[in-house]
Amino acid sequence: MADLKKERLGEGEILLKKLRRLRLRAAGARRDDRARLLALMDDIETVRRKLLRECALLEEEFRVAAVRVTALNTYARVAQTSGRPPREN
């Protein structure tokens, strides 16, 4: 699973760079070049959808991390109140 995260780590950056390039291409396109503009709109929409998926994945990772932090804090509080030192693995 760690390898999958490492592979995905730069995907958001790559998508943002691609979006910047598409914006530059769109700025340079002529208004009467309908086919090129439609293709650019399609490419931009594709990148937008991928970025939204990336955001959803990050939100899920943050949610899981928050649950883990809460669990660890609770474990630490219980360990302190019980008077016994926390168990080492």
C-alpha atoms as a PDB file:
ATOM      1  CA  MET A   1       0.000   0.000   0.000  1.00  0.00           C
ATOM      2  CA  ALA A   2       2.884   2.364   0.686  1.00  0.00           C
ATOM      3  CA  ASP A   3       4.122   1.828  -2.868  1.00  0.00           C
ATOM      4  CA  LEU A   4       0.733   2.815  -4.244  1.00  0.00           C
ATOM      5  CA  LYS A   5       0.823   6.043  -2.221  1.00  0.00           C
ATOM      6  CA  LYS A   6       4.339   6.811  -3.458  1.00  0.00           C
ATOM      7  CA  GLU A   7       3.216   6.321  -7.060  1.00  0.00           C
ATOM      8  CA  ARG A   8       0.167   8.524  -6.530  1.00  0.00           C
ATOM      9  CA  LEU A   9       2.058  11.161  -4.573  1.00  0.00           C
ATOM     10  CA  GLY A  10       2.941  13.275  -7.608  1.00  0.00           C
ATOM     11  CA  GLU A  11      -0.248  12.711  -9.581  1.00  0.00           C
ATOM     12  CA  GLY A  12      -1.913  15.887  -8.303  1.00  0.00           C
ATOM     13  CA  GLU A  13       1.123  17.966  -9.231  1.00  0.00           C
ATOM     14  CA  ILE A  14       1.191  16.424 -12.701  1.00  0.00           C
ATOM     15  CA  LEU A  15      -2.500  17.201 -13.177  1.00  0.00           C
ATOM     16  CA  LEU A  16      -2.017  20.810 -12.069  1.00  0.00           C
ATOM     17  CA  LYS A  17       0.870  21.241 -14.518  1.00  0.00           C
ATOM     18  CA  LYS A  18      -1.259  19.773 -17.295  1.00  0.00           C
ATOM     19  CA  LEU A  19      -4.076  22.161 -16.393  1.00  0.00           C
ATOM     20  CA  ARG A  20      -1.673  25.127 -16.608  1.00  0.00           C
ATOM     21  CA  ARG A  21      -0.521  23.983 -20.056  1.00  0.00           C
ATOM     22  CA  LEU A  22      -4.136  23.608 -21.186  1.00  0.00           C
ATOM     23  CA  ARG A  23      -4.911  27.117 -19.948  1.00  0.00           C
ATOM     24  CA  LEU A  24      -2.002  28.490 -21.976  1.00  0.00           C
ATOM     25  CA  ARG A  25      -3.194  26.606 -25.050  1.00  0.00           C
ATOM     26  CA  ALA A  26      -6.715  27.907 -24.527  1.00  0.00           C
ATOM     27  CA  ALA A  27      -5.435  31.479 -24.201  1.00  0.00           C
ATOM     28  CA  GLY A  28      -3.592  31.122 -27.508  1.00  0.00           C
ATOM     29  CA  ALA A  29      -6.508  29.552 -29.397  1.00  0.00           C
ATOM     30  CA  ARG A  30      -8.441  31.618 -31.903  1.00  0.00           C
ATOM     31  CA  ARG A  31     -12.131  32.139 -31.273  1.00  0.00           C
ATOM     32  CA  ASP A  32     -13.054  30.833 -34.702  1.00  0.00           C
ATOM     33  CA  ASP A  33     -11.179  27.536 -34.226  1.00  0.00           C
ATOM     34  CA  ARG A  34     -14.188  25.654 -32.885  1.00  0.00           C
ATOM     35  CA  ALA A  35     -12.677  22.159 -33.155  1.00  0.00           C
ATOM     36  CA  ARG A  36      -9.584  23.132 -31.178  1.00  0.00           C
ATOM     37  CA  LEU A  37     -11.640  24.885 -28.510  1.00  0.00           C
ATOM     38  CA  LEU A  38     -13.935  21.876 -28.122  1.00  0.00           C
ATOM     39  CA  ALA A  39     -10.929  19.570 -27.768  1.00  0.00           C
ATOM     40  CA  LEU A  40      -9.414  21.894 -25.154  1.00  0.00           C
ATOM     41  CA  MET A  41     -12.693  22.010 -23.233  1.00  0.00           C
ATOM     42  CA  ASP A  42     -12.823  18.214 -23.232  1.00  0.00           C
ATOM     43  CA  ASP A  43      -9.211  17.952 -22.026  1.00  0.00           C
ATOM     44  CA  ILE A  44      -9.830  20.520 -19.294  1.00  0.00           C
ATOM     45  CA  GLU A  45     -12.953  18.673 -18.129  1.00  0.00           C
ATOM     46  CA  THR A  46     -11.018  15.389 -18.017  1.00  0.00           C
ATOM     47  CA  VAL A  47      -8.276  16.948 -15.882  1.00  0.00           C
ATOM     48  CA  ARG A  48     -10.906  18.572 -13.649  1.00  0.00           C
ATOM     49  CA  ARG A  49     -12.573  15.197 -13.016  1.00  0.00           C
ATOM     50  CA  LYS A  50      -9.229  13.587 -12.196  1.00  0.00           C
ATOM     51  CA  LEU A  51      -8.414  16.411  -9.769  1.00  0.00           C
ATOM     52  CA  LEU A  52     -11.790  15.966  -8.072  1.00  0.00           C
ATOM     53  CA  ARG A  53     -11.060  12.244  -7.649  1.00  0.00           C
ATOM     54  CA  GLU A  54      -7.643  13.102  -6.208  1.00  0.00           C
ATOM     55  CA  CYS A  55      -9.306  15.520  -3.755  1.00  0.00           C
ATOM     56  CA  ALA A  56     -11.768  12.834  -2.689  1.00  0.00           C
ATOM     57  CA  LEU A  57      -8.914  10.394  -2.045  1.00  0.00           C
ATOM     58  CA  LEU A  58      -7.047  12.984   0.007  1.00  0.00           C
ATOM     59  CA  GLU A  59     -10.169  13.770   2.015  1.00  0.00           C
ATOM     60  CA  GLU A  60     -10.558  10.075   2.806  1.00  0.00           C
ATOM     61  CA  GLU A  61      -6.906   9.832   3.882  1.00  0.00           C
ATOM     62  CA  PHE A  62      -7.356  12.863   6.162  1.00  0.00           C
ATOM     63  CA  ARG A  63     -10.505  11.327   7.640  1.00  0.00           C
ATOM     64  CA  VAL A  64      -8.722   8.052   8.381  1.00  0.00           C
ATOM     65  CA  ALA A  65      -5.758   9.922   9.883  1.00  0.00           C
ATOM     66  CA  ALA A  66      -8.089  11.935  12.122  1.00  0.00           C
ATOM     67  CA  VAL A  67      -9.761   8.756  13.366  1.00  0.00           C
ATOM     68  CA  ARG A  68      -6.361   7.230  14.107  1.00  0.00           C
ATOM     69  CA  VAL A  69      -5.222  10.328  16.008  1.00  0.00           C
ATOM     70  CA  THR A  70      -8.408  10.259  18.073  1.00  0.00           C
ATOM     71  CA  ALA A  71      -7.890   6.571  18.846  1.00  0.00           C
ATOM     72  CA  LEU A  72      -4.255   7.121  19.833  1.00  0.00           C
ATOM     73  CA  ASN A  73      -5.171  10.046  22.073  1.00  0.00           C
ATOM     74  CA  THR A  74      -7.861   7.967  23.750  1.00  0.00           C
ATOM     75  CA  TYR A  75      -5.430   5.080  24.232  1.00  0.00           C
ATOM     76  CA  ALA A  76      -2.872   7.447  25.768  1.00  0.00           C
ATOM     77  CA  ARG A  77      -5.459   8.919  28.165  1.00  0.00           C
ATOM     78  CA  VAL A  78      -6.605   5.473  29.274  1.00  0.00           C
ATOM     79  CA  ALA A  79      -3.014   4.351  29.741  1.00  0.00           C
ATOM     80  CA  GLN A  80      -2.270   7.401  31.915  1.00  0.00           C
ATOM     81  CA  THR A  81      -5.340   6.955  34.099  1.00  0.00           C
ATOM     82  CA  SER A  82      -4.808   3.233  34.662  1.00  0.00           C
ATOM     83  CA  GLY A  83      -1.467   3.850  36.402  1.00  0.00           C
ATOM     84  CA  ARG A  84       0.285   1.243  34.295  1.00  0.00           C
ATOM     85  CA  PRO A  85       2.903   2.186  31.730  1.00  0.00           C
ATOM     86  CA  PRO A  86       1.733   1.807  28.120  1.00  0.00           C
ATOM     87  CA  ARG A  87       2.497  -1.526  26.515  1.00  0.00           C
ATOM     88  CA  GLU A  88       5.484  -1.537  24.164  1.00  0.00           C
ATOM     89  CA  ASN A  89       5.394  -3.622  20.991  1.00  0.00           C
END
